[in-house]
Amino acid sequence: MSDTLDDAFRELQREYIAEAPARLAELRKDAAALAAGEADAIASLATRFHRLAGSGGSYGFPTLSQLGRELEDWVRTTAEWDRTTLARLSGSIERVASVFDDAAREIGVPQTLVKQSEFGWRALLVGRAGDLVTEIASGLEISGFAVASDDGEPSPQTIPVSARPDLVVIVSEDEGHDPYAQAAAWYASRTSRPRAVVLVDGTGRADRLRAVAAGIDAVYSPEHVADELPKYAKTLARIGVPPPSVLLIQDHHERAETTLAWLEQANLRVTRCEDALDAREALARELPDLILMDAHLPGVDGFTLARLIRQDYRFNLLPIVFLTDQRSVSTEIEALRAGADDFLTVPVDRNLLLQVVLARAERGRRIRELVHRDGLTGLLNHATLMAELEHVVEFAHRVSEPFVFMMLDVDHFKRVNDSHGHLVGDQVLLHVARVFQSTGRASDLIGRYGGEEFGIILRRNSKEGAKVFAEKLRAALATQPATVLEGMTIPVKVSIGVACYPADAETAAELTKEADTALYRAKAGGRDRVEFAVDNP
C-alpha cells in the first residue's frame, strides 16, 4: 500500500473514531430501553454490536471487531435480563468506550472519549445568555440532551472529540449578529461537524438560501422554537441525521391526513398547506427539502404553482413531486414543463411514496451542497464566496463594521503540477485548504476562488489585524509542508493581496478588484509576499 493510500486510510480512521461518541450513545440508549422492558431493545443491541464488529475490522481496529462479535453473541444468547446481566451490559459498553480510547491514541487523536452523561447526546447553544437561551436549553434537557452554552464564537477545532456536540443551536436576536459564518465553520469541519445545525432567528430577517449554503438544517422563530425544537432534537437522537423536511400541499383532508401520517412515521418533518396561498406563505418562512403536492388545487392549480415556485431562484434546485388521480401522457408532459421531478398516481403505494420522497430529498440536499461547495477542498466555491462577500458588505454597512477581504495564490503551483502531476497538485491544494481552516477563526469565511487561488473574508478586522493573520498563515504553512505521494514533502508558500472595508473599497466588486491588484503586486515583487490595496503597513 502506497503512502498516499496509507494517509487516506488514516484519515478515514480518524473520521471513524470521531463518530465514537454517537455509537456509544446509541448503545447506552438501547441498554436503557432494555432495562425499561422494551421488547425490541435486544435485537437493536445485537445489530449495533454486529455493525461494530464489521466496521471495526474494516477500519483496521481488530480488537474492537473481536469485542463487537463477542458482545453480539452474548446478547443474542442471554435468556434472562436481570440486574446482574444489565450491570454486565453496562460494563461491556464501557469496555467498548475504553477500546475506542485506545484506538484514538493509536492513531494520534489526543482527546479521550470520556463517559458522557445519560445517553451522550450533546447540544451546544451559541448565543447571548437570556430568557430565550434558557427556554431552549430547558426544552433540550427534557429531550435527553446534555446542554452547554457559549455566548461567543466557539471554534469546532478547539472542541475535543469526546465533547463534540450532536446539535448546534445558533441563537440570533439582533441584526448586529451574522449567524451564517458561524454555521459555515461548523459545516466545513470534517471531524467536528455536528449531526445538525439549527438557527433560531429572532430578527425576522433569516435568509433561507444563505442558510442552506451555510449548512443550516432548520430555522425556527422564537415563537415556535419551544414546541418545535424538542421534537426535532428527539428525531435527531432517534435516527442520527437531520430529518428531511417536506412541504405537503393537499386540500383533500382525508388523503392529506393519510399522507401526513406516512411521512411522519418515516421521521420526516412535514408542513401541510391546503392551497397555493398557504404554500407561498410557508415558502417565505422556510426552505424544505422537497415539495409534495396535488396536481389539482383550489384557486391556482398545482402546475401553475410549480411554475411560480420555479421563478424564485431560491427554489431552482428544490425537488417537486406531483400526486394525481388523472395520469396521462399529456398531464405528465405538463408536469415536466412546470418543473416536476417525479409524478405519482393516487391511490399510491405507501412504500413507493416514501422511497420517492426520501430519495429525491436526499439527492436534492447533495445537489445543493455541490452547488455551494468546492468538490476538492470542501470550501465555499467561487460563486458562493462572492455571494457571501456581497452579504458581508451589506451587513458591514448596516452595522458600521470593518472587515478584510484577502486573496491568496499558491506560489509556483504550475511547477508542482508539471513536475509531479495533477494528483499531487490536488493534494497540495487540499493541504492548503486544511491549513487555512485550522488557522482561521470560526467567523472567517474561506473559499476557493479558482485554480490555486483562495479568498478569505475576515469579519470585524482591520489592516493591522490582516497583517497579523497573514503572517500567522504563512508561518503555519512554513511549519506544515504538504505530504504527498510516497512520503514526499512539498513546501508551500503563498502570496497575499489584501483589501479593507471601508478604507479601500465599499462594494464587493471593488474589494475584489483591489485585493486582486494587491495580489498581482505581491507576485510581481518576488512572490511569498503580502501586499495591501493602499500601502503595506
Protein backbone atom coordinates (compact mmCIF):
# COMPACT_ATOMS: atom_id res chain seq x y z
CA MET A 1 0.00 0.00 0.00
CA SER A 2 1.44 3.38 -1.00
CA ASP A 3 1.97 6.20 1.47
CA THR A 4 -0.82 8.13 -0.22
CA LEU A 5 -3.28 5.33 0.41
CA ASP A 6 -1.94 4.99 3.96
CA ASP A 7 -2.64 8.68 4.58
CA ALA A 8 -6.12 8.40 3.10
CA PHE A 9 -6.88 5.32 5.21
CA ARG A 10 -5.60 7.05 8.35
CA GLU A 11 -7.90 9.97 7.62
CA LEU A 12 -10.82 7.53 7.34
CA GLN A 13 -9.78 6.01 10.67
CA ARG A 14 -9.82 9.42 12.32
CA GLU A 15 -13.29 10.13 10.97
CA TYR A 16 -14.46 6.73 12.24
CA ILE A 17 -13.08 7.39 15.72
CA ALA A 18 -14.72 10.83 15.70
CA GLU A 19 -18.09 9.02 15.45
CA ALA A 20 -17.39 7.03 18.65
CA PRO A 21 -19.48 9.26 20.97
CA ALA A 22 -22.53 8.75 18.75
CA ARG A 23 -22.01 4.96 18.63
CA LEU A 24 -21.65 4.80 22.41
CA ALA A 25 -24.74 6.97 22.81
CA GLU A 26 -26.77 4.53 20.70
CA LEU A 27 -25.58 1.57 22.79
CA ARG A 28 -26.43 3.34 26.04
CA LYS A 29 -29.88 4.25 24.78
CA ASP A 30 -30.58 0.63 23.85
CA ALA A 31 -29.33 -0.53 27.25
CA ALA A 32 -31.71 1.89 28.97
CA ALA A 33 -34.56 0.70 26.74
CA LEU A 34 -33.77 -2.92 27.67
CA ALA A 35 -33.80 -2.03 31.37
CA ALA A 36 -37.20 -0.41 30.83
CA GLY A 37 -38.53 -3.64 29.33
CA GLU A 38 -38.79 -2.60 25.68
CA ALA A 39 -39.11 -5.78 23.62
CA ASP A 40 -37.11 -4.70 20.55
CA ALA A 41 -34.08 -3.46 22.52
CA ILE A 42 -32.29 -6.85 22.41
CA ALA A 43 -32.45 -7.06 18.63
CA SER A 44 -31.28 -3.45 18.32
CA LEU A 45 -28.32 -4.07 20.65
CA ALA A 46 -27.31 -7.20 18.76
CA THR A 47 -27.47 -5.32 15.47
CA ARG A 48 -25.33 -2.46 16.79
CA PHE A 49 -22.67 -4.86 18.12
CA HIS A 50 -22.76 -6.70 14.78
CA ARG A 51 -22.14 -3.45 12.93
CA LEU A 52 -19.37 -2.57 15.37
CA ALA A 53 -17.69 -5.91 14.66
CA GLY A 54 -17.86 -5.30 10.92
CA SER A 55 -16.83 -1.65 10.90
CA GLY A 56 -14.04 -2.18 13.45
CA GLY A 57 -12.40 -4.71 11.17
CA SER A 58 -12.96 -2.64 8.05
CA TYR A 59 -11.25 0.39 9.59
CA GLY A 60 -8.30 -1.57 10.97
CA PHE A 61 -9.25 -1.97 14.64
CA PRO A 62 -9.28 -5.77 15.21
CA THR A 63 -9.71 -5.52 19.00
CA LEU A 64 -12.89 -3.53 18.51
CA SER A 65 -14.09 -6.02 15.91
CA GLN A 66 -13.49 -9.01 18.19
CA LEU A 67 -15.22 -7.32 21.13
CA GLY A 68 -18.20 -6.50 18.94
CA ARG A 69 -18.55 -10.16 17.87
CA GLU A 70 -18.30 -11.40 21.48
CA LEU A 71 -20.94 -8.96 22.71
CA GLU A 72 -23.27 -9.71 19.79
CA ASP A 73 -23.15 -13.44 20.61
CA TRP A 74 -23.64 -12.78 24.32
CA VAL A 75 -26.65 -10.52 23.76
CA ARG A 76 -28.30 -12.99 21.40
CA THR A 77 -27.81 -15.97 23.75
CA THR A 78 -28.68 -14.36 27.08
CA ALA A 79 -32.04 -15.79 28.13
CA GLU A 80 -32.84 -13.56 31.10
CA TRP A 81 -32.12 -9.90 31.65
CA ASP A 82 -31.96 -9.14 35.35
CA ARG A 83 -29.99 -6.72 37.48
CA THR A 84 -26.80 -8.77 37.09
CA THR A 85 -26.90 -9.10 33.30
CA LEU A 86 -27.90 -5.46 32.89
CA ALA A 87 -24.92 -4.43 35.00
CA ARG A 88 -22.70 -6.63 32.87
CA LEU A 89 -24.11 -4.97 29.75
CA SER A 90 -23.31 -1.53 31.15
CA GLY A 91 -19.77 -2.64 31.91
CA SER A 92 -19.41 -4.08 28.41
CA ILE A 93 -20.38 -0.77 26.83
CA GLU A 94 -17.71 0.93 28.93
CA ARG A 95 -15.23 -1.66 27.63
CA VAL A 96 -16.19 -0.55 24.12
CA ALA A 97 -15.55 3.06 25.16
CA SER A 98 -12.13 2.06 26.52
CA VAL A 99 -11.22 0.29 23.27
CA PHE A 100 -12.24 3.39 21.31
CA ASP A 101 -9.96 5.46 23.59
CA ASP A 102 -7.06 3.10 22.90
CA ALA A 103 -7.74 3.29 19.16
CA ALA A 104 -7.80 7.08 19.32
CA ARG A 105 -4.38 7.14 20.99
CA GLU A 106 -3.07 4.58 18.48
CA ILE A 107 -3.76 6.85 15.51
CA GLY A 108 -2.75 10.06 17.27
CA VAL A 109 -6.11 11.55 18.21
CA PRO A 110 -5.20 13.26 21.51
CA GLN A 111 -8.67 13.51 23.05
CA THR A 112 -10.06 10.66 25.13
CA LEU A 113 -13.63 9.54 24.65
CA VAL A 114 -14.78 10.29 28.18
CA LYS A 115 -18.01 8.86 29.57
CA GLN A 116 -20.92 11.02 28.55
CA SER A 117 -23.88 11.99 30.65
CA GLU A 118 -27.02 9.93 30.21
CA PHE A 119 -27.20 8.85 26.53
CA GLY A 120 -24.41 11.12 25.46
CA TRP A 121 -26.46 13.35 23.18
CA ARG A 122 -24.95 16.81 23.38
CA ALA A 123 -26.27 20.18 22.35
CA LEU A 124 -24.33 23.44 22.17
CA LEU A 125 -26.25 26.72 22.41
CA VAL A 126 -24.43 29.64 20.82
CA GLY A 127 -25.96 32.98 21.71
CA ARG A 128 -26.33 35.73 24.26
CA ALA A 129 -27.50 34.49 27.66
CA GLY A 130 -31.13 35.37 28.33
CA ASP A 131 -34.66 34.08 28.58
CA LEU A 132 -34.71 32.64 25.06
CA VAL A 133 -31.49 30.64 25.54
CA THR A 134 -32.74 29.42 28.93
CA GLU A 135 -36.04 28.29 27.39
CA ILE A 136 -34.27 26.44 24.59
CA ALA A 137 -31.86 24.75 27.00
CA SER A 138 -34.74 23.58 29.17
CA GLY A 139 -36.56 22.02 26.22
CA LEU A 140 -33.43 20.21 25.04
CA GLU A 141 -32.62 18.89 28.51
CA ILE A 142 -36.13 17.45 28.76
CA SER A 143 -35.46 15.74 25.42
CA GLY A 144 -32.44 13.97 26.93
CA PHE A 145 -29.63 16.24 25.74
CA ALA A 146 -26.70 17.42 27.81
CA VAL A 147 -26.64 21.16 27.06
CA ALA A 148 -23.67 23.53 27.07
CA SER A 149 -23.84 27.26 26.28
CA ASP A 150 -21.38 29.70 24.76
CA ASP A 151 -22.05 33.40 24.25
CA GLY A 152 -19.03 33.87 21.97
CA GLU A 153 -17.96 32.23 18.71
CA PRO A 154 -16.72 28.74 19.62
CA SER A 155 -14.48 27.13 17.03
CA PRO A 156 -15.13 23.48 16.13
CA GLN A 157 -11.39 22.79 16.05
CA THR A 158 -11.00 23.63 19.76
CA ILE A 159 -13.63 21.16 20.99
CA PRO A 160 -12.36 17.67 21.96
CA VAL A 161 -13.73 14.71 20.07
CA SER A 162 -15.48 13.39 23.17
CA ALA A 163 -17.26 16.70 23.73
CA ARG A 164 -18.35 17.28 20.14
CA PRO A 165 -21.98 18.38 20.06
CA ASP A 166 -24.54 16.39 18.10
CA LEU A 167 -26.70 19.50 17.76
CA VAL A 168 -25.57 23.12 17.49
CA VAL A 169 -28.25 25.77 18.06
CA ILE A 170 -27.27 29.28 16.99
CA VAL A 171 -29.49 31.92 18.57
CA SER A 172 -29.54 35.23 16.68
CA GLU A 173 -31.51 38.02 18.38
CA ASP A 174 -30.15 41.23 16.85
CA GLU A 175 -29.17 42.48 13.42
CA GLY A 176 -25.61 43.05 14.59
CA HIS A 177 -25.06 39.29 14.60
CA ASP A 178 -24.42 37.20 11.50
CA PRO A 179 -25.14 33.52 12.21
CA TYR A 180 -24.26 32.21 8.75
CA ALA A 181 -20.49 32.47 9.20
CA GLN A 182 -20.75 30.55 12.47
CA ALA A 183 -22.81 27.84 10.81
CA ALA A 184 -20.42 27.60 7.87
CA ALA A 185 -17.50 26.98 10.23
CA TRP A 186 -19.29 24.02 11.80
CA TYR A 187 -20.39 22.70 8.42
CA ALA A 188 -16.88 22.85 6.96
CA SER A 189 -15.25 20.99 9.86
CA ARG A 190 -14.88 17.35 8.83
CA THR A 191 -14.20 15.62 12.16
CA SER A 192 -16.09 18.11 14.35
CA ARG A 193 -19.18 18.51 12.18
CA PRO A 194 -22.34 18.06 14.28
CA ARG A 195 -25.27 16.00 13.11
CA ALA A 196 -27.34 19.15 12.73
CA VAL A 197 -27.02 22.94 12.93
CA VAL A 198 -30.17 24.89 13.77
CA LEU A 199 -30.78 28.63 13.64
CA VAL A 200 -33.21 30.38 15.96
CA ASP A 201 -33.91 33.65 14.20
CA GLY A 202 -35.09 36.43 16.48
CA THR A 203 -34.65 39.16 13.88
CA GLY A 204 -37.27 38.03 11.35
CA ARG A 205 -34.67 38.53 8.60
CA ALA A 206 -33.43 34.98 8.07
CA ASP A 207 -32.25 34.34 4.50
CA ARG A 208 -33.27 30.77 3.72
CA LEU A 209 -30.93 30.39 0.76
CA ARG A 210 -27.94 31.59 2.76
CA ALA A 211 -28.98 29.20 5.50
CA VAL A 212 -28.77 26.28 3.06
CA ALA A 213 -25.39 27.42 1.74
CA ALA A 214 -24.05 27.75 5.29
CA GLY A 215 -25.15 24.22 6.19
CA ILE A 216 -28.06 25.16 8.46
CA ASP A 217 -30.53 22.27 8.66
CA ALA A 218 -33.54 24.06 10.17
CA VAL A 219 -34.65 27.61 11.02
CA TYR A 220 -37.10 28.40 13.83
CA SER A 221 -38.66 31.59 15.11
CA PRO A 222 -38.62 32.30 18.88
CA GLU A 223 -42.41 31.87 18.91
CA HIS A 224 -42.24 28.26 17.70
CA VAL A 225 -38.86 27.04 18.95
CA ALA A 226 -40.12 25.84 22.35
CA ASP A 227 -42.58 23.45 20.67
CA GLU A 228 -40.71 22.50 17.51
CA LEU A 229 -37.04 22.21 18.51
CA PRO A 230 -37.53 19.46 21.15
CA LYS A 231 -39.42 17.39 18.53
CA TYR A 232 -36.59 17.92 16.07
CA ALA A 233 -33.99 17.01 18.70
CA LYS A 234 -35.81 13.80 19.63
CA THR A 235 -36.00 12.79 15.98
CA LEU A 236 -32.31 13.59 15.56
CA ALA A 237 -31.45 11.41 18.57
CA ARG A 238 -33.61 8.61 17.23
CA ILE A 239 -32.40 8.42 13.63
CA GLY A 240 -28.99 10.07 13.85
CA VAL A 241 -29.19 12.50 10.91
CA PRO A 242 -31.14 15.70 10.25
CA PRO A 243 -34.63 14.62 9.21
CA PRO A 244 -35.66 15.73 5.72
CA SER A 245 -38.39 18.36 5.60
CA VAL A 246 -41.36 18.16 3.24
CA LEU A 247 -43.90 20.79 2.24
CA LEU A 248 -47.14 18.87 1.63
CA ILE A 249 -49.76 20.74 -0.44
CA GLN A 250 -53.07 18.85 -0.45
CA ASP A 251 -56.60 20.16 0.00
CA HIS A 252 -58.30 16.75 0.27
CA HIS A 253 -58.46 16.38 4.06
CA GLU A 254 -58.67 12.60 4.39
CA ARG A 255 -55.98 11.96 1.78
CA ALA A 256 -53.72 14.59 3.35
CA GLU A 257 -54.09 13.03 6.81
CA THR A 258 -53.03 9.66 5.45
CA THR A 259 -50.06 11.10 3.56
CA LEU A 260 -49.03 13.15 6.60
CA ALA A 261 -49.12 10.08 8.84
CA TRP A 262 -46.97 8.06 6.43
CA LEU A 263 -44.37 10.80 6.13
CA GLU A 264 -44.13 11.44 9.87
CA GLN A 265 -43.83 7.70 10.57
CA ALA A 266 -40.76 7.77 8.34
CA ASN A 267 -39.25 10.54 10.55
CA LEU A 268 -39.82 13.33 8.03
CA ARG A 269 -40.71 16.84 9.18
CA VAL A 270 -43.88 17.92 7.39
CA THR A 271 -45.55 21.28 6.90
CA ARG A 272 -49.02 20.93 5.40
CA CYS A 273 -50.76 23.55 3.26
CA GLU A 274 -54.17 23.40 1.61
CA ASP A 275 -53.73 25.81 -1.28
CA ALA A 276 -51.28 27.93 -3.24
CA LEU A 277 -51.58 30.95 -0.93
CA ASP A 278 -50.70 28.89 2.15
CA ALA A 279 -47.84 27.28 0.24
CA ARG A 280 -46.28 30.57 -0.82
CA GLU A 281 -46.51 31.88 2.74
CA ALA A 282 -44.82 28.71 4.00
CA LEU A 283 -42.03 29.04 1.42
CA ALA A 284 -41.43 32.61 2.55
CA ARG A 285 -40.66 31.20 6.01
CA GLU A 286 -38.66 28.08 5.20
CA LEU A 287 -36.82 26.14 2.52
CA PRO A 288 -37.93 22.49 2.60
CA ASP A 289 -36.03 19.58 1.12
CA LEU A 290 -38.96 18.62 -1.13
CA ILE A 291 -42.44 19.73 -2.20
CA LEU A 292 -45.13 17.05 -2.49
CA MET A 293 -48.32 18.47 -4.00
CA ASP A 294 -51.58 17.59 -5.70
CA ALA A 295 -51.73 18.41 -9.38
CA HIS A 296 -55.17 19.95 -8.85
CA LEU A 297 -55.60 22.56 -6.14
CA PRO A 298 -58.30 25.13 -5.42
CA GLY A 299 -57.69 28.52 -7.00
CA VAL A 300 -54.28 28.08 -8.62
CA ASP A 301 -53.66 24.55 -9.90
CA GLY A 302 -50.50 22.63 -8.99
CA PHE A 303 -48.79 23.08 -12.35
CA THR A 304 -49.20 26.85 -12.23
CA LEU A 305 -47.97 26.92 -8.64
CA ALA A 306 -44.89 24.90 -9.66
CA ARG A 307 -44.09 27.44 -12.39
CA LEU A 308 -44.39 30.28 -9.86
CA ILE A 309 -42.11 28.45 -7.44
CA ARG A 310 -39.50 27.83 -10.12
CA GLN A 311 -39.40 31.56 -10.93
CA ASP A 312 -37.83 32.14 -7.49
CA TYR A 313 -34.07 31.49 -7.72
CA ARG A 314 -34.10 30.01 -4.19
CA PHE A 315 -36.15 27.06 -5.43
CA ASN A 316 -34.41 26.23 -8.72
CA LEU A 317 -33.00 23.00 -7.25
CA LEU A 318 -35.89 22.12 -4.94
CA PRO A 319 -37.41 18.71 -5.85
CA ILE A 320 -41.13 18.80 -6.70
CA VAL A 321 -43.20 15.62 -6.77
CA PHE A 322 -46.81 15.64 -8.05
CA LEU A 323 -49.71 13.48 -6.92
CA THR A 324 -52.64 12.99 -9.29
CA ASP A 325 -55.57 10.66 -9.91
CA GLN A 326 -55.70 11.52 -13.63
CA ARG A 327 -52.43 10.31 -15.06
CA SER A 328 -51.89 10.55 -18.81
CA VAL A 329 -49.11 11.38 -21.21
CA SER A 330 -50.36 14.95 -21.60
CA THR A 331 -50.52 15.58 -17.84
CA GLU A 332 -47.03 14.12 -17.37
CA ILE A 333 -45.66 16.39 -20.08
CA GLU A 334 -47.38 19.37 -18.48
CA ALA A 335 -45.91 18.44 -15.10
CA LEU A 336 -42.39 18.17 -16.54
CA ARG A 337 -42.75 21.54 -18.26
CA ALA A 338 -43.87 23.03 -14.95
CA GLY A 339 -40.68 21.80 -13.28
CA ALA A 340 -41.70 18.46 -11.77
CA ASP A 341 -39.08 15.90 -10.77
CA ASP A 342 -41.46 12.98 -10.30
CA PHE A 343 -45.08 12.02 -10.79
CA LEU A 344 -47.16 9.56 -8.66
CA THR A 345 -50.68 8.32 -9.25
CA VAL A 346 -53.13 8.07 -6.32
CA PRO A 347 -54.00 5.88 -4.64
CA VAL A 348 -50.25 5.45 -4.27
CA ASP A 349 -48.42 2.59 -2.61
CA ARG A 350 -47.07 3.70 0.78
CA ASN A 351 -43.59 2.23 0.24
CA LEU A 352 -43.28 3.74 -3.23
CA LEU A 353 -44.29 7.18 -1.94
CA LEU A 354 -41.77 7.07 0.90
CA GLN A 355 -38.93 5.83 -1.30
CA VAL A 356 -39.55 8.54 -3.89
CA VAL A 357 -39.73 11.28 -1.24
CA LEU A 358 -36.66 10.12 0.69
CA ALA A 359 -34.53 9.53 -2.41
CA ARG A 360 -35.47 12.82 -4.05
CA ALA A 361 -35.00 14.83 -0.84
CA GLU A 362 -31.56 13.32 -0.17
CA ARG A 363 -30.47 13.86 -3.77
CA GLY A 364 -31.68 17.45 -3.60
CA ARG A 365 -29.60 18.07 -0.49
CA ARG A 366 -26.48 16.64 -2.12
CA ILE A 367 -27.00 18.71 -5.27
CA ARG A 368 -27.35 21.91 -3.24
CA GLU A 369 -24.14 21.00 -1.42
CA LEU A 370 -22.34 20.57 -4.74
CA VAL A 371 -23.68 23.90 -5.92
CA HIS A 372 -22.27 25.77 -2.92
CA ARG A 373 -19.09 23.80 -2.11
CA ASP A 374 -15.85 23.19 -3.97
CA GLY A 375 -15.66 19.49 -4.77
CA LEU A 376 -11.95 19.09 -3.93
CA THR A 377 -11.44 21.19 -0.80
CA GLY A 378 -14.94 21.39 0.68
CA LEU A 379 -14.54 25.17 0.95
CA LEU A 380 -17.07 27.64 -0.44
CA ASN A 381 -16.90 27.67 -4.21
CA HIS A 382 -16.31 30.85 -6.22
CA ALA A 383 -19.98 31.79 -6.73
CA THR A 384 -20.91 31.25 -3.09
CA LEU A 385 -17.82 33.09 -1.83
CA MET A 386 -18.70 36.11 -3.96
CA ALA A 387 -22.33 35.96 -2.81
CA GLU A 388 -21.13 35.86 0.80
CA LEU A 389 -18.89 38.86 0.14
CA GLU A 390 -21.95 40.78 -1.09
CA HIS A 391 -23.84 39.83 2.07
CA VAL A 392 -20.93 40.79 4.33
CA VAL A 393 -20.67 44.20 2.63
CA GLU A 394 -24.38 44.78 3.21
CA PHE A 395 -24.10 43.67 6.82
CA ALA A 396 -20.98 45.74 7.49
CA HIS A 397 -22.63 48.83 6.02
CA ARG A 398 -25.69 48.35 8.23
CA VAL A 399 -23.75 47.98 11.49
CA SER A 400 -20.68 50.14 10.58
CA GLU A 401 -18.28 47.22 10.96
CA PRO A 402 -14.89 46.96 9.21
CA PHE A 403 -13.72 43.74 7.61
CA VAL A 404 -10.97 42.46 5.33
CA PHE A 405 -11.02 40.54 2.08
CA MET A 406 -7.86 38.59 1.25
CA MET A 407 -6.91 36.85 -1.99
CA LEU A 408 -4.22 34.19 -1.77
CA ASP A 409 -2.27 32.44 -4.52
CA VAL A 410 -0.14 29.30 -4.06
CA ASP A 411 3.29 30.23 -5.38
CA HIS A 412 4.77 28.21 -8.26
CA PHE A 413 1.80 25.86 -8.32
CA LYS A 414 2.17 25.22 -12.05
CA ARG A 415 5.66 23.92 -11.33
CA VAL A 416 4.15 21.39 -8.87
CA ASN A 417 1.68 20.15 -11.48
CA ASP A 418 4.33 19.97 -14.20
CA SER A 419 6.86 18.15 -12.01
CA HIS A 420 4.65 15.80 -10.03
CA GLY A 421 1.28 15.61 -11.81
CA HIS A 422 -2.19 16.90 -11.08
CA LEU A 423 -2.92 14.29 -8.39
CA VAL A 424 -0.10 15.71 -6.28
CA GLY A 425 -1.30 19.20 -7.13
CA ASP A 426 -4.75 18.34 -5.79
CA GLN A 427 -3.18 17.02 -2.58
CA VAL A 428 -1.28 20.28 -2.15
CA LEU A 429 -4.47 22.33 -2.60
CA LEU A 430 -6.32 20.14 -0.10
CA HIS A 431 -3.46 20.60 2.38
CA VAL A 432 -3.53 24.38 1.92
CA ALA A 433 -7.30 24.44 2.49
CA ARG A 434 -6.93 22.50 5.75
CA VAL A 435 -4.20 24.84 7.00
CA PHE A 436 -6.39 27.83 6.20
CA GLN A 437 -9.31 26.29 8.11
CA SER A 438 -7.22 25.41 11.16
CA THR A 439 -5.61 28.87 11.26
CA GLY A 440 -8.73 30.99 10.78
CA ARG A 441 -11.43 31.86 13.29
CA ALA A 442 -14.91 30.39 13.34
CA SER A 443 -16.30 33.62 11.87
CA ASP A 444 -13.90 33.72 8.91
CA LEU A 445 -15.33 32.66 5.54
CA ILE A 446 -12.94 30.72 3.33
CA GLY A 447 -13.48 29.82 -0.32
CA ARG A 448 -11.66 28.58 -3.37
CA TYR A 449 -11.62 31.49 -5.79
CA GLY A 450 -10.41 29.37 -8.68
CA GLY A 451 -7.45 27.14 -9.55
CA GLU A 452 -4.77 27.72 -6.92
CA GLU A 453 -6.34 30.98 -5.70
CA PHE A 454 -8.34 31.29 -2.48
CA GLY A 455 -10.37 34.03 -0.83
CA ILE A 456 -10.82 34.72 2.89
CA ILE A 457 -13.26 37.15 4.49
CA LEU A 458 -12.05 38.28 7.92
CA ARG A 459 -15.03 39.62 9.88
CA ARG A 460 -14.55 42.51 12.29
CA ASN A 461 -10.97 43.09 11.27
CA SER A 462 -8.64 45.88 10.14
CA LYS A 463 -5.49 46.31 8.09
CA GLU A 464 -3.30 45.74 11.15
CA GLY A 465 -5.22 42.59 12.07
CA ALA A 466 -4.98 41.36 8.49
CA LYS A 467 -1.20 41.68 8.55
CA VAL A 468 -1.02 39.66 11.77
CA PHE A 469 -3.29 36.99 10.32
CA ALA A 470 -1.34 36.85 7.04
CA GLU A 471 1.94 36.29 8.88
CA LYS A 472 0.31 33.65 11.07
CA LEU A 473 -0.96 31.91 7.94
CA ARG A 474 2.40 31.96 6.22
CA ALA A 475 4.11 30.70 9.38
CA ALA A 476 1.64 27.80 9.61
CA LEU A 477 2.37 26.83 6.00
CA ALA A 478 6.11 27.10 6.59
CA THR A 479 5.98 24.67 9.51
CA GLN A 480 3.47 22.32 7.83
CA PRO A 481 4.69 21.32 4.34
CA ALA A 482 2.33 19.21 2.25
CA THR A 483 3.00 15.46 2.50
CA VAL A 484 2.12 13.76 -0.79
CA LEU A 485 2.94 10.57 -2.71
CA GLU A 486 5.45 8.18 -1.14
CA GLY A 487 6.01 10.46 1.83
CA MET A 488 7.44 13.27 -0.26
CA THR A 489 7.03 16.71 1.27
CA ILE A 490 6.44 19.84 -0.76
CA PRO A 491 6.98 23.25 0.89
CA VAL A 492 4.13 25.64 0.23
CA LYS A 493 4.23 29.40 0.14
CA VAL A 494 1.51 31.88 -0.75
CA SER A 495 1.30 35.43 -1.99
CA ILE A 496 -1.46 37.52 -0.45
CA GLY A 497 -3.37 40.58 -1.57
CA VAL A 498 -5.48 42.47 0.98
CA ALA A 499 -8.32 44.98 0.65
CA CYS A 500 -10.12 46.53 3.61
CA TYR A 501 -13.71 47.71 4.00
CA PRO A 502 -14.47 50.62 4.03
CA ALA A 503 -10.96 52.11 3.78
CA ASP A 504 -10.08 50.68 0.36
CA ALA A 505 -13.48 49.99 -1.19
CA GLU A 506 -17.18 49.87 -0.29
CA THR A 507 -18.59 47.32 -2.72
CA ALA A 508 -17.88 43.64 -3.24
CA ALA A 509 -16.73 44.20 -6.82
CA GLU A 510 -14.33 46.98 -5.80
CA LEU A 511 -12.94 44.95 -2.89
CA THR A 512 -12.29 42.02 -5.21
CA LYS A 513 -10.56 44.26 -7.73
CA GLU A 514 -8.40 45.94 -5.09
CA ALA A 515 -7.41 42.63 -3.47
CA ASP A 516 -6.62 41.12 -6.87
CA THR A 517 -4.47 44.11 -7.81
CA ALA A 518 -2.61 43.86 -4.50
CA LEU A 519 -2.11 40.12 -5.08
CA TYR A 520 -0.64 40.84 -8.53
CA ARG A 521 1.84 43.29 -6.95
CA ALA A 522 2.77 40.68 -4.32
CA LYS A 523 3.52 38.08 -7.01
CA ALA A 524 5.37 40.58 -9.18
CA GLY A 525 7.50 41.60 -6.23
CA GLY A 526 9.07 38.17 -5.89
CA ARG A 527 6.18 36.03 -4.57
CA ASP A 528 5.68 34.92 -0.96
CA ARG A 529 4.68 38.48 -0.08
CA VAL A 530 1.75 40.34 1.44
CA GLU A 531 0.53 43.46 -0.32
CA PHE A 532 -2.28 45.81 0.70
CA ALA A 533 -4.57 47.74 -1.56
CA VAL A 534 -3.14 51.10 -0.49
CA ASP A 535 0.12 50.50 1.30
CA ASN A 536 1.94 47.87 3.33
CA PRO A 537 1.70 48.97 6.96
